[in-house]
């Protein structure tokens, strides 16, 4: 298997750029926000649908959605009186896919280690 190489070497980032990156990663550091992103990666949903699917209260969901909007990850559009939420930045899907793939590899490796230790 070949490793993917980035198109260009990383450049020195400005303090402003680093702050923006940190804001994005902070937005991903809360399980409820990850739960909401996971739901939105499946389909656009209303705030009410997110409240129901997440098992959390509307105030809590709205607070987390606001942080995700501020980070540029989630968008909201009005349809009459209803707010419909969607993934605004496709990189969210890529980040989640990369992390899920990596975690799956780690878990499979641990399972193989345990199986070989038992046999």
PDB file of N, CA and C in Angstrom:
ATOM      1  N   UNK A   1       0.831  -1.172   0.000  1.00  0.00           N
ATOM      2  CA  UNK A   1       0.000   0.000   0.000  1.00  0.00           C
ATOM      3  C   UNK A   1       0.876   1.237   0.000  1.00  0.00           C
ATOM      4  N   UNK A   2       0.551   2.189  -0.862  1.00  0.00           N
ATOM      5  CA  UNK A   2       1.335   3.422  -0.889  1.00  0.00           C
ATOM      6  C   UNK A   2       0.651   4.472  -0.040  1.00  0.00           C
ATOM      7  N   UNK A   3       1.467   5.287   0.576  1.00  0.00           N
ATOM      8  CA  UNK A   3       0.945   6.375   1.396  1.00  0.00           C
ATOM      9  C   UNK A   3       0.660   7.555   0.490  1.00  0.00           C
ATOM     10  N   UNK A   4      -0.409   8.293   0.774  1.00  0.00           N
ATOM     11  CA  UNK A   4      -0.704   9.497   0.023  1.00  0.00           C
ATOM     12  C   UNK A   4       0.293  10.575   0.411  1.00  0.00           C
ATOM     13  N   UNK A   5       0.745  11.305  -0.575  1.00  0.00           N
ATOM     14  CA  UNK A   5       1.632  12.426  -0.310  1.00  0.00           C
ATOM     15  C   UNK A   5       0.851  13.696  -0.537  1.00  0.00           C
ATOM     16  N   UNK A   6       1.100  14.694   0.299  1.00  0.00           N
ATOM     17  CA  UNK A   6       0.418  15.959   0.107  1.00  0.00           C
ATOM     18  C   UNK A   6       0.964  16.622  -1.142  1.00  0.00           C
ATOM     19  N   UNK A   7       0.144  17.437  -1.782  1.00  0.00           N
ATOM     20  CA  UNK A   7       0.507  18.077  -3.039  1.00  0.00           C
ATOM     21  C   UNK A   7       1.679  19.028  -2.871  1.00  0.00           C
ATOM     22  N   UNK A   8       1.740  19.704  -1.752  1.00  0.00           N
ATOM     23  CA  UNK A   8       2.814  20.665  -1.519  1.00  0.00           C
ATOM     24  C   UNK A   8       3.237  20.580  -0.066  1.00  0.00           C
ATOM     25  N   UNK A   9       4.495  20.884   0.227  1.00  0.00           N
ATOM     26  CA  UNK A   9       4.928  20.858   1.624  1.00  0.00           C
ATOM     27  C   UNK A   9       4.184  21.924   2.432  1.00  0.00           C
ATOM     28  N   UNK A  10       4.003  21.629   3.705  1.00  0.00           N
ATOM     29  CA  UNK A  10       3.322  22.575   4.584  1.00  0.00           C
ATOM     30  C   UNK A  10       4.130  23.859   4.688  1.00  0.00           C
ATOM     31  N   UNK A  11       3.409  24.963   4.696  1.00  0.00           N
ATOM     32  CA  UNK A  11       4.064  26.264   4.792  1.00  0.00           C
ATOM     33  C   UNK A  11       3.910  26.787   6.211  1.00  0.00           C
ATOM     34  N   UNK A  12       4.772  27.708   6.548  1.00  0.00           N
ATOM     35  CA  UNK A  12       4.673  28.391   7.840  1.00  0.00           C
ATOM     36  C   UNK A  12       3.318  29.090   7.893  1.00  0.00           C
ATOM     37  N   UNK A  13       2.570  28.833   8.934  1.00  0.00           N
ATOM     38  CA  UNK A  13       1.243  29.428   9.059  1.00  0.00           C
ATOM     39  C   UNK A  13       1.298  30.660   9.954  1.00  0.00           C
ATOM     40  N   UNK A  14       0.476  31.625   9.622  1.00  0.00           N
ATOM     41  CA  UNK A  14       0.389  32.836  10.432  1.00  0.00           C
ATOM     42  C   UNK A  14      -0.343  32.522  11.732  1.00  0.00           C
ATOM     43  N   UNK A  15      -0.203  33.404  12.695  1.00  0.00           N
ATOM     44  CA  UNK A  15      -0.924  33.237  13.962  1.00  0.00           C
ATOM     45  C   UNK A  15      -2.431  33.222  13.728  1.00  0.00           C
ATOM     46  N   UNK A  16      -2.906  34.050  12.799  1.00  0.00           N
ATOM     47  CA  UNK A  16      -4.341  34.094  12.502  1.00  0.00           C
ATOM     48  C   UNK A  16      -4.807  32.758  11.922  1.00  0.00           C
ATOM     49  N   UNK A  17      -4.022  32.179  11.025  1.00  0.00           N
ATOM     50  CA  UNK A  17      -4.379  30.887  10.440  1.00  0.00           C
ATOM     51  C   UNK A  17      -4.386  29.797  11.500  1.00  0.00           C
ATOM     52  N   UNK A  18      -3.394  29.811  12.378  1.00  0.00           N
ATOM     53  CA  UNK A  18      -3.336  28.818  13.449  1.00  0.00           C
ATOM     54  C   UNK A  18      -4.539  28.934  14.373  1.00  0.00           C
ATOM     55  N   UNK A  19      -4.984  30.153  14.640  1.00  0.00           N
ATOM     56  CA  UNK A  19      -6.162  30.352  15.489  1.00  0.00           C
ATOM     57  C   UNK A  19      -7.412  29.793  14.819  1.00  0.00           C
ATOM     58  N   UNK A  20      -7.534  29.988  13.517  1.00  0.00           N
ATOM     59  CA  UNK A  20      -8.680  29.441  12.789  1.00  0.00           C
ATOM     60  C   UNK A  20      -8.673  27.909  12.819  1.00  0.00           C
ATOM     61  N   UNK A  21      -7.508  27.340  12.656  1.00  0.00           N
ATOM     62  CA  UNK A  21      -7.382  25.879  12.711  1.00  0.00           C
ATOM     63  C   UNK A  21      -7.737  25.373  14.105  1.00  0.00           C
ATOM     64  N   UNK A  22      -7.253  26.054  15.127  1.00  0.00           N
ATOM     65  CA  UNK A  22      -7.553  25.659  16.508  1.00  0.00           C
ATOM     66  C   UNK A  22      -9.056  25.749  16.787  1.00  0.00           C
ATOM     67  N   UNK A  23      -9.707  26.760  16.232  1.00  0.00           N
ATOM     68  CA  UNK A  23     -11.147  26.907  16.413  1.00  0.00           C
ATOM     69  C   UNK A  23     -11.879  25.711  15.820  1.00  0.00           C
ATOM     70  N   UNK A  24     -11.445  25.273  14.646  1.00  0.00           N
ATOM     71  CA  UNK A  24     -12.064  24.109  14.017  1.00  0.00           C
ATOM     72  C   UNK A  24     -11.875  22.852  14.867  1.00  0.00           C
ATOM     73  N   UNK A  25     -10.650  22.644  15.351  1.00  0.00           N
ATOM     74  CA  UNK A  25     -10.406  21.442  16.147  1.00  0.00           C
ATOM     75  C   UNK A  25     -11.129  21.501  17.492  1.00  0.00           C
ATOM     76  N   UNK A  26     -11.251  22.680  18.087  1.00  0.00           N
ATOM     77  CA  UNK A  26     -12.026  22.802  19.327  1.00  0.00           C
ATOM     78  C   UNK A  26     -13.486  22.420  19.078  1.00  0.00           C
ATOM     79  N   UNK A  27     -13.993  22.807  17.923  1.00  0.00           N
ATOM     80  CA  UNK A  27     -15.386  22.473  17.594  1.00  0.00           C
ATOM     81  C   UNK A  27     -15.578  20.958  17.515  1.00  0.00           C
ATOM     82  N   UNK A  28     -14.529  20.241  17.163  1.00  0.00           N
ATOM     83  CA  UNK A  28     -14.608  18.780  17.044  1.00  0.00           C
ATOM     84  C   UNK A  28     -14.297  18.054  18.348  1.00  0.00           C
ATOM     85  N   UNK A  29     -14.014  18.797  19.398  1.00  0.00           N
ATOM     86  CA  UNK A  29     -13.550  18.172  20.642  1.00  0.00           C
ATOM     87  C   UNK A  29     -14.670  17.794  21.609  1.00  0.00           C
ATOM     88  N   UNK A  30     -15.899  17.951  21.201  1.00  0.00           N
ATOM     89  CA  UNK A  30     -17.039  17.674  22.084  1.00  0.00           C
ATOM     90  C   UNK A  30     -17.895  16.550  21.489  1.00  0.00           C
ATOM     91  N   UNK A  31     -18.144  15.482  22.244  1.00  0.00           N
ATOM     92  CA  UNK A  31     -18.926  14.354  21.710  1.00  0.00           C
ATOM     93  C   UNK A  31     -20.295  14.746  21.148  1.00  0.00           C
ATOM     94  N   UNK A  32     -20.988  15.678  21.772  1.00  0.00           N
ATOM     95  CA  UNK A  32     -22.310  16.069  21.254  1.00  0.00           C
ATOM     96  C   UNK A  32     -22.183  16.724  19.879  1.00  0.00           C
ATOM     97  N   UNK A  33     -21.158  17.541  19.679  1.00  0.00           N
ATOM     98  CA  UNK A  33     -20.978  18.165  18.372  1.00  0.00           C
ATOM     99  C   UNK A  33     -20.628  17.104  17.326  1.00  0.00           C
ATOM    100  N   UNK A  34     -19.834  16.122  17.710  1.00  0.00           N
ATOM    101  CA  UNK A  34     -19.525  15.026  16.790  1.00  0.00           C
ATOM    102  C   UNK A  34     -20.789  14.234  16.457  1.00  0.00           C
ATOM    103  N   UNK A  35     -21.643  14.034  17.450  1.00  0.00           N
ATOM    104  CA  UNK A  35     -22.912  13.328  17.227  1.00  0.00           C
ATOM    105  C   UNK A  35     -23.764  14.098  16.218  1.00  0.00           C
ATOM    106  N   UNK A  36     -23.843  15.422  16.394  1.00  0.00           N
ATOM    107  CA  UNK A  36     -24.635  16.242  15.477  1.00  0.00           C
ATOM    108  C   UNK A  36     -24.051  16.208  14.071  1.00  0.00           C
ATOM    109  N   UNK A  37     -22.729  16.301  13.958  1.00  0.00           N
ATOM    110  CA  UNK A  37     -22.099  16.219  12.640  1.00  0.00           C
ATOM    111  C   UNK A  37     -22.363  14.863  11.996  1.00  0.00           C
ATOM    112  N   UNK A  38     -22.295  13.804  12.787  1.00  0.00           N
ATOM    113  CA  UNK A  38     -22.557  12.462  12.266  1.00  0.00           C
ATOM    114  C   UNK A  38     -23.980  12.372  11.711  1.00  0.00           C
ATOM    115  N   UNK A  39     -24.925  12.933  12.423  1.00  0.00           N
ATOM    116  CA  UNK A  39     -26.312  12.931  11.945  1.00  0.00           C
ATOM    117  C   UNK A  39     -26.448  13.739  10.657  1.00  0.00           C
ATOM    118  N   UNK A  40     -25.774  14.882  10.598  1.00  0.00           N
ATOM    119  CA  UNK A  40     -25.881  15.740   9.419  1.00  0.00           C
ATOM    120  C   UNK A  40     -25.134  15.173   8.218  1.00  0.00           C
ATOM    121  N   UNK A  41     -24.146  14.331   8.462  1.00  0.00           N
ATOM    122  CA  UNK A  41     -23.457  13.695   7.339  1.00  0.00           C
ATOM    123  C   UNK A  41     -24.370  12.682   6.649  1.00  0.00           C
ATOM    124  N   UNK A  42     -25.368  12.198   7.375  1.00  0.00           N
ATOM    125  CA  UNK A  42     -26.324  11.256   6.791  1.00  0.00           C
ATOM    126  C   UNK A  42     -27.354  11.988   5.930  1.00  0.00           C
ATOM    127  N   UNK A  43     -27.790  13.164   6.391  1.00  0.00           N
ATOM    128  CA  UNK A  43     -28.751  13.970   5.633  1.00  0.00           C
ATOM    129  C   UNK A  43     -28.974  15.305   6.335  1.00  0.00           C
ATOM    130  N   UNK A  44     -29.474  16.258   5.573  1.00  0.00           N
ATOM    131  CA  UNK A  44     -29.878  17.534   6.171  1.00  0.00           C
ATOM    132  C   UNK A  44     -30.992  17.239   7.161  1.00  0.00           C
ATOM    133  N   UNK A  45     -31.023  18.004   8.257  1.00  0.00           N
ATOM    134  CA  UNK A  45     -32.046  17.756   9.265  1.00  0.00           C
ATOM    135  C   UNK A  45     -32.474  19.073   9.890  1.00  0.00           C
ATOM    136  N   UNK A  46     -33.707  19.091  10.358  1.00  0.00           N
ATOM    137  CA  UNK A  46     -34.180  20.261  11.090  1.00  0.00           C
ATOM    138  C   UNK A  46     -33.613  20.212  12.505  1.00  0.00           C
ATOM    139  N   UNK A  47     -33.672  21.330  13.180  1.00  0.00           N
ATOM    140  CA  UNK A  47     -33.211  21.364  14.570  1.00  0.00           C
ATOM    141  C   UNK A  47     -34.028  20.380  15.395  1.00  0.00           C
ATOM    142  N   UNK A  48     -35.323  20.319  15.161  1.00  0.00           N
ATOM    143  CA  UNK A  48     -36.183  19.381  15.890  1.00  0.00           C
ATOM    144  C   UNK A  48     -35.777  17.932  15.667  1.00  0.00           C
ATOM    145  N   UNK A  49     -35.437  17.594  14.429  1.00  0.00           N
ATOM    146  CA  UNK A  49     -34.980  16.232  14.138  1.00  0.00           C
ATOM    147  C   UNK A  49     -33.665  15.937  14.855  1.00  0.00           C
ATOM    148  N   UNK A  50     -32.772  16.917  14.899  1.00  0.00           N
ATOM    149  CA  UNK A  50     -31.497  16.725  15.597  1.00  0.00           C
ATOM    150  C   UNK A  50     -31.709  16.557  17.091  1.00  0.00           C
ATOM    151  N   UNK A  51     -32.649  17.309  17.646  1.00  0.00           N
ATOM    152  CA  UNK A  51     -32.973  17.180  19.069  1.00  0.00           C
ATOM    153  C   UNK A  51     -33.461  15.760  19.348  1.00  0.00           C
ATOM    154  N   UNK A  52     -34.380  15.303  18.529  1.00  0.00           N
ATOM    155  CA  UNK A  52     -34.934  13.955  18.733  1.00  0.00           C
ATOM    156  C   UNK A  52     -33.876  12.866  18.539  1.00  0.00           C
ATOM    157  N   UNK A  53     -33.103  12.966  17.464  1.00  0.00           N
ATOM    158  CA  UNK A  53     -32.118  11.921  17.154  1.00  0.00           C
ATOM    159  C   UNK A  53     -30.959  11.900  18.138  1.00  0.00           C
ATOM    160  N   UNK A  54     -30.609  13.060  18.674  1.00  0.00           N
ATOM    161  CA  UNK A  54     -29.462  13.132  19.587  1.00  0.00           C
ATOM    162  C   UNK A  54     -29.845  12.786  21.024  1.00  0.00           C
ATOM    163  N   UNK A  55     -31.137  12.862  21.338  1.00  0.00           N
ATOM    164  CA  UNK A  55     -31.577  12.588  22.698  1.00  0.00           C
ATOM    165  C   UNK A  55     -31.236  13.707  23.669  1.00  0.00           C
ATOM    166  N   UNK A  56     -30.939  14.872  23.146  1.00  0.00           N
ATOM    167  CA  UNK A  56     -30.581  16.014  23.981  1.00  0.00           C
ATOM    168  C   UNK A  56     -31.685  17.060  23.897  1.00  0.00           C
ATOM    169  N   UNK A  57     -31.578  18.063  24.755  1.00  0.00           N
ATOM    170  CA  UNK A  57     -32.569  19.132  24.755  1.00  0.00           C
ATOM    171  C   UNK A  57     -32.300  20.153  23.660  1.00  0.00           C
ATOM    172  N   UNK A  58     -33.342  20.922  23.323  1.00  0.00           N
ATOM    173  CA  UNK A  58     -33.198  21.896  22.242  1.00  0.00           C
ATOM    174  C   UNK A  58     -32.157  22.964  22.566  1.00  0.00           C
ATOM    175  N   UNK A  59     -32.103  23.439  23.792  1.00  0.00           N
ATOM    176  CA  UNK A  59     -31.128  24.467  24.154  1.00  0.00           C
ATOM    177  C   UNK A  59     -29.700  23.953  23.961  1.00  0.00           C
ATOM    178  N   UNK A  60     -29.457  22.704  24.361  1.00  0.00           N
ATOM    179  CA  UNK A  60     -28.129  22.117  24.227  1.00  0.00           C
ATOM    180  C   UNK A  60     -27.754  21.931  22.756  1.00  0.00           C
ATOM    181  N   UNK A  61     -28.681  21.398  21.962  1.00  0.00           N
ATOM    182  CA  UNK A  61     -28.428  21.200  20.536  1.00  0.00           C
ATOM    183  C   UNK A  61     -28.176  22.544  19.861  1.00  0.00           C
ATOM    184  N   UNK A  62     -28.989  23.536  20.174  1.00  0.00           N
ATOM    185  CA  UNK A  62     -28.825  24.863  19.565  1.00  0.00           C
ATOM    186  C   UNK A  62     -27.482  25.478  19.920  1.00  0.00           C
ATOM    187  N   UNK A  63     -27.051  25.299  21.153  1.00  0.00           N
ATOM    188  CA  UNK A  63     -25.740  25.823  21.587  1.00  0.00           C
ATOM    189  C   UNK A  63     -24.617  25.183  20.775  1.00  0.00           C
ATOM    190  N   UNK A  64     -24.668  23.876  20.618  1.00  0.00           N
ATOM    191  CA  UNK A  64     -23.623  23.167  19.880  1.00  0.00           C
ATOM    192  C   UNK A  64     -23.676  23.489  18.388  1.00  0.00           C
ATOM    193  N   UNK A  65     -24.877  23.616  17.842  1.00  0.00           N
ATOM    194  CA  UNK A  65     -25.002  24.000  16.440  1.00  0.00           C
ATOM    195  C   UNK A  65     -24.420  25.397  16.193  1.00  0.00           C
ATOM    196  N   UNK A  66     -24.629  26.304  17.137  1.00  0.00           N
ATOM    197  CA  UNK A  66     -24.079  27.658  16.994  1.00  0.00           C
ATOM    198  C   UNK A  66     -22.556  27.619  16.930  1.00  0.00           C
ATOM    199  N   UNK A  67     -21.934  26.794  17.766  1.00  0.00           N
ATOM    200  CA  UNK A  67     -20.477  26.670  17.739  1.00  0.00           C
ATOM    201  C   UNK A  67     -20.002  26.058  16.423  1.00  0.00           C
ATOM    202  N   UNK A  68     -20.726  25.076  15.921  1.00  0.00           N
ATOM    203  CA  UNK A  68     -20.364  24.460  14.646  1.00  0.00           C
ATOM    204  C   UNK A  68     -20.556  25.438  13.489  1.00  0.00           C
ATOM    205  N   UNK A  69     -21.573  26.276  13.578  1.00  0.00           N
ATOM    206  CA  UNK A  69     -21.778  27.320  12.553  1.00  0.00           C
ATOM    207  C   UNK A  69     -20.641  28.330  12.597  1.00  0.00           C
ATOM    208  N   UNK A  70     -20.283  28.777  13.795  1.00  0.00           N
ATOM    209  CA  UNK A  70     -19.190  29.749  13.944  1.00  0.00           C
ATOM    210  C   UNK A  70     -17.881  29.197  13.395  1.00  0.00           C
ATOM    211  N   UNK A  71     -17.682  27.891  13.518  1.00  0.00           N
ATOM    212  CA  UNK A  71     -16.468  27.252  13.013  1.00  0.00           C
ATOM    213  C   UNK A  71     -16.547  27.006  11.504  1.00  0.00           C
ATOM    214  N   UNK A  72     -17.692  27.302  10.903  1.00  0.00           N
ATOM    215  CA  UNK A  72     -17.849  27.145   9.464  1.00  0.00           C
ATOM    216  C   UNK A  72     -18.144  25.729   9.009  1.00  0.00           C
ATOM    217  N   UNK A  73     -18.494  24.861   9.936  1.00  0.00           N
ATOM    218  CA  UNK A  73     -18.724  23.465   9.587  1.00  0.00           C
ATOM    219  C   UNK A  73     -20.169  23.159   9.229  1.00  0.00           C
ATOM    220  N   UNK A  74     -21.089  23.892   9.825  1.00  0.00           N
ATOM    221  CA  UNK A  74     -22.514  23.645   9.637  1.00  0.00           C
ATOM    222  C   UNK A  74     -23.165  24.923   9.125  1.00  0.00           C
ATOM    223  N   UNK A  75     -24.110  24.748   8.230  1.00  0.00           N
ATOM    224  CA  UNK A  75     -24.905  25.867   7.751  1.00  0.00           C
ATOM    225  C   UNK A  75     -26.348  25.645   8.146  1.00  0.00           C
ATOM    226  N   UNK A  76     -27.103  26.739   8.166  1.00  0.00           N
ATOM    227  CA  UNK A  76     -28.529  26.662   8.498  1.00  0.00           C
ATOM    228  C   UNK A  76     -29.276  27.546   7.508  1.00  0.00           C
ATOM    229  N   UNK A  77     -30.349  27.000   6.976  1.00  0.00           N
ATOM    230  CA  UNK A  77     -31.202  27.809   6.116  1.00  0.00           C
ATOM    231  C   UNK A  77     -32.630  27.728   6.642  1.00  0.00           C
ATOM    232  N   UNK A  78     -33.356  28.776   6.436  1.00  0.00           N
ATOM    233  CA  UNK A  78     -34.747  28.832   6.881  1.00  0.00           C
ATOM    234  C   UNK A  78     -35.658  28.341   5.775  1.00  0.00           C
ATOM    235  N   UNK A  79     -36.593  27.514   6.165  1.00  0.00           N
ATOM    236  CA  UNK A  79     -37.683  27.091   5.285  1.00  0.00           C
ATOM    237  C   UNK A  79     -38.953  27.399   6.046  1.00  0.00           C
ATOM    238  N   UNK A  80     -39.491  28.573   5.812  1.00  0.00           N
ATOM    239  CA  UNK A  80     -40.624  29.050   6.594  1.00  0.00           C
ATOM    240  C   UNK A  80     -40.163  29.308   8.011  1.00  0.00           C
ATOM    241  N   UNK A  81     -40.793  28.652   8.971  1.00  0.00           N
ATOM    242  CA  UNK A  81     -40.414  28.802  10.378  1.00  0.00           C
ATOM    243  C   UNK A  81     -39.403  27.751  10.816  1.00  0.00           C
ATOM    244  N   UNK A  82     -39.043  26.868   9.907  1.00  0.00           N
ATOM    245  CA  UNK A  82     -38.161  25.757  10.234  1.00  0.00           C
ATOM    246  C   UNK A  82     -36.724  26.078   9.852  1.00  0.00           C
ATOM    247  N   UNK A  83     -35.785  25.709  10.727  1.00  0.00           N
ATOM    248  CA  UNK A  83     -34.356  25.839  10.431  1.00  0.00           C
ATOM    249  C   UNK A  83     -33.829  24.474  10.009  1.00  0.00           C
ATOM    250  N   UNK A  84     -33.273  24.412   8.802  1.00  0.00           N
ATOM    251  CA  UNK A  84     -32.711  23.173   8.274  1.00  0.00           C
ATOM    252  C   UNK A  84     -31.193  23.280   8.329  1.00  0.00           C
ATOM    253  N   UNK A  85     -30.562  22.296   8.959  1.00  0.00           N
ATOM    254  CA  UNK A  85     -29.112  22.288   9.139  1.00  0.00           C
ATOM    255  C   UNK A  85     -28.471  21.348   8.130  1.00  0.00           C
ATOM    256  N   UNK A  86     -27.252  21.703   7.721  1.00  0.00           N
ATOM    257  CA  UNK A  86     -26.523  20.896   6.748  1.00  0.00           C
ATOM    258  C   UNK A  86     -25.027  21.083   6.963  1.00  0.00           C
ATOM    259  N   UNK A  87     -24.243  20.146   6.437  1.00  0.00           N
ATOM    260  CA  UNK A  87     -22.785  20.256   6.482  1.00  0.00           C
ATOM    261  C   UNK A  87     -22.391  21.331   5.479  1.00  0.00           C
ATOM    262  N   UNK A  88     -21.748  22.393   5.950  1.00  0.00           N
ATOM    263  CA  UNK A  88     -21.376  23.516   5.087  1.00  0.00           C
ATOM    264  C   UNK A  88     -19.989  23.354   4.490  1.00  0.00           C
ATOM    265  N   UNK A  89     -19.145  22.563   5.124  1.00  0.00           N
ATOM    266  CA  UNK A  89     -17.780  22.389   4.659  1.00  0.00           C
ATOM    267  C   UNK A  89     -17.525  20.900   4.428  1.00  0.00           C
ATOM    268  N   UNK A  90     -17.352  20.495   3.176  1.00  0.00           N
ATOM    269  CA  UNK A  90     -17.174  19.068   2.882  1.00  0.00           C
ATOM    270  C   UNK A  90     -15.945  18.439   3.541  1.00  0.00           C
ATOM    271  N   UNK A  91     -15.000  19.237   3.991  1.00  0.00           N
ATOM    272  CA  UNK A  91     -13.815  18.677   4.657  1.00  0.00           C
ATOM    273  C   UNK A  91     -14.220  17.946   5.938  1.00  0.00           C
ATOM    274  N   UNK A  92     -15.358  18.311   6.516  1.00  0.00           N
ATOM    275  CA  UNK A  92     -15.854  17.627   7.720  1.00  0.00           C
ATOM    276  C   UNK A  92     -16.014  16.139   7.433  1.00  0.00           C
ATOM    277  N   UNK A  93     -16.603  15.812   6.278  1.00  0.00           N
ATOM    278  CA  UNK A  93     -16.777  14.401   5.911  1.00  0.00           C
ATOM    279  C   UNK A  93     -15.425  13.713   5.778  1.00  0.00           C
ATOM    280  N   UNK A  94     -14.478  14.381   5.138  1.00  0.00           N
ATOM    281  CA  UNK A  94     -13.152  13.797   4.941  1.00  0.00           C
ATOM    282  C   UNK A  94     -12.441  13.564   6.273  1.00  0.00           C
ATOM    283  N   UNK A  95     -12.498  14.549   7.170  1.00  0.00           N
ATOM    284  CA  UNK A  95     -11.867  14.402   8.485  1.00  0.00           C
ATOM    285  C   UNK A  95     -12.461  13.226   9.250  1.00  0.00           C
ATOM    286  N   UNK A  96     -13.773  13.141   9.248  1.00  0.00           N
ATOM    287  CA  UNK A  96     -14.440  12.056   9.975  1.00  0.00           C
ATOM    288  C   UNK A  96     -14.114  10.703   9.354  1.00  0.00           C
ATOM    289  N   UNK A  97     -14.098  10.646   8.020  1.00  0.00           N
ATOM    290  CA  UNK A  97     -13.748   9.390   7.352  1.00  0.00           C
ATOM    291  C   UNK A  97     -12.322   8.967   7.692  1.00  0.00           C
ATOM    292  N   UNK A  98     -11.388   9.918   7.677  1.00  0.00           N
ATOM    293  CA  UNK A  98      -9.994   9.595   7.996  1.00  0.00           C
ATOM    294  C   UNK A  98      -9.875   9.070   9.421  1.00  0.00           C
ATOM    295  N   UNK A  99     -10.534   9.720  10.367  1.00  0.00           N
ATOM    296  CA  UNK A  99     -10.441   9.308  11.767  1.00  0.00           C
ATOM    297  C   UNK A  99     -11.109   7.950  11.970  1.00  0.00           C
ATOM    298  N   UNK A 100     -12.269   7.746  11.376  1.00  0.00           N
ATOM    299  CA  UNK A 100     -12.955   6.461  11.521  1.00  0.00           C
ATOM    300  C   UNK A 100     -12.127   5.336  10.933  1.00  0.00           C
ATOM    301  N   UNK A 101     -11.531   5.569   9.783  1.00  0.00           N
ATOM    302  CA  UNK A 101     -10.683   4.555   9.150  1.00  0.00           C
ATOM    303  C   UNK A 101      -9.492   4.229  10.045  1.00  0.00           C
ATOM    304  N   UNK A 102      -8.858   5.244  10.591  1.00  0.00           N
ATOM    305  CA  UNK A 102      -7.697   5.041  11.459  1.00  0.00           C
ATOM    306  C   UNK A 102      -8.085   4.270  12.719  1.00  0.00           C
ATOM    307  N   UNK A 103      -9.198   4.629  13.334  1.00  0.00           N
ATOM    308  CA  UNK A 103      -9.644   3.933  14.542  1.00  0.00           C
ATOM    309  C   UNK A 103      -9.998   2.485  14.237  1.00  0.00           C
ATOM    310  N   UNK A 104     -10.610   2.235  13.083  1.00  0.00           N
ATOM    311  CA  UNK A 104     -10.937   0.867  12.680  1.00  0.00           C
ATOM    312  C   UNK A 104      -9.660   0.042  12.534  1.00  0.00           C
ATOM    313  N   UNK A 105      -8.633   0.620  11.908  1.00  0.00           N
ATOM    314  CA  UNK A 105      -7.350  -0.073  11.756  1.00  0.00           C
ATOM    315  C   UNK A 105      -6.742  -0.403  13.121  1.00  0.00           C
ATOM    316  N   UNK A 106      -6.791   0.552  14.041  1.00  0.00           N
ATOM    317  CA  UNK A 106      -6.241   0.321  15.379  1.00  0.00           C
ATOM    318  C   UNK A 106      -6.994  -0.786  16.095  1.00  0.00           C
ATOM    319  N   UNK A 107      -8.324  -0.767  16.016  1.00  0.00           N
ATOM    320  CA  UNK A 107      -9.121  -1.792  16.693  1.00  0.00           C
ATOM    321  C   UNK A 107      -8.874  -3.166  16.079  1.00  0.00           C
ATOM    322  N   UNK A 108      -8.756  -3.226  14.753  1.00  0.00           N
ATOM    323  CA  UNK A 108      -8.468  -4.503  14.107  1.00  0.00           C
ATOM    324  C   UNK A 108      -7.093  -5.023  14.511  1.00  0.00           C
ATOM    325  N   UNK A 109      -6.129  -4.133  14.620  1.00  0.00           N
ATOM    326  CA  UNK A 109      -4.784  -4.520  15.058  1.00  0.00           C
ATOM    327  C   UNK A 109      -4.794  -5.060  16.474  1.00  0.00           C
ATOM    328  N   UNK A 110      -5.537  -4.412  17.357  1.00  0.00           N
ATOM    329  CA  UNK A 110      -5.641  -4.889  18.737  1.00  0.00           C
ATOM    330  C   UNK A 110      -6.336  -6.238  18.796  1.00  0.00           C
ATOM    331  N   UNK A 111      -7.368  -6.410  17.968  1.00  0.00           N
ATOM    332  CA  UNK A 111      -8.092  -7.681  17.945  1.00  0.00           C
ATOM    333  C   UNK A 111      -7.166  -8.802  17.464  1.00  0.00           C
ATOM    334  N   UNK A 112      -6.352  -8.505  16.437  1.00  0.00           N
ATOM    335  CA  UNK A 112      -5.405  -9.525  15.945  1.00  0.00           C
ATOM    336  C   UNK A 112      -4.383  -9.874  17.027  1.00  0.00           C
ATOM    337  N   UNK A 113      -3.917  -8.868  17.752  1.00  0.00           N
ATOM    338  CA  UNK A 113      -2.953  -9.122  18.824  1.00  0.00           C
ATOM    339  C   UNK A 113      -3.551  -9.997  19.902  1.00  0.00           C
ATOM    340  N   UNK A 114      -4.784  -9.709  20.265  1.00  0.00           N
ATOM    341  CA  UNK A 114      -5.440 -10.527  21.279  1.00  0.00           C
ATOM    342  C   UNK A 114      -5.665 -11.950  20.784  1.00  0.00           C
ATOM    343  N   UNK A 115      -6.078 -12.080  19.526  1.00  0.00           N
ATOM    344  CA  UNK A 115      -6.336 -13.406  18.964  1.00  0.00           C
ATOM    345  C   UNK A 115      -5.044 -14.223  18.877  1.00  0.00           C
ATOM    346  N   UNK A 116      -3.959 -13.579  18.491  1.00  0.00           N
ATOM    347  CA  UNK A 116      -2.707 -14.324  18.384  1.00  0.00           C
ATOM    348  C   UNK A 116      -2.159 -14.686  19.776  1.00  0.00           C
ATOM    349  N   UNK A 117      -2.469 -13.892  20.766  1.00  0.00           N
ATOM    350  CA  UNK A 117      -2.044 -14.179  22.128  1.00  0.00           C
ATOM    351  C   UNK A 117      -2.818 -15.331  22.740  1.00  0.00           C
ATOM    352  N   UNK A 118      -4.046 -15.531  22.264  1.00  0.00           N
ATOM    353  CA  UNK A 118      -4.877 -16.606  22.788  1.00  0.00           C
ATOM    354  C   UNK A 118      -4.602 -17.933  22.095  1.00  0.00           C
ATOM    355  N   UNK A 119      -4.097 -17.862  20.880  1.00  0.00           N
ATOM    356  CA  UNK A 119      -3.918 -19.086  20.089  1.00  0.00           C
ATOM    357  C   UNK A 119      -2.642 -19.711  20.346  1.00  0.00           C
TER     358      UNK A 119
END
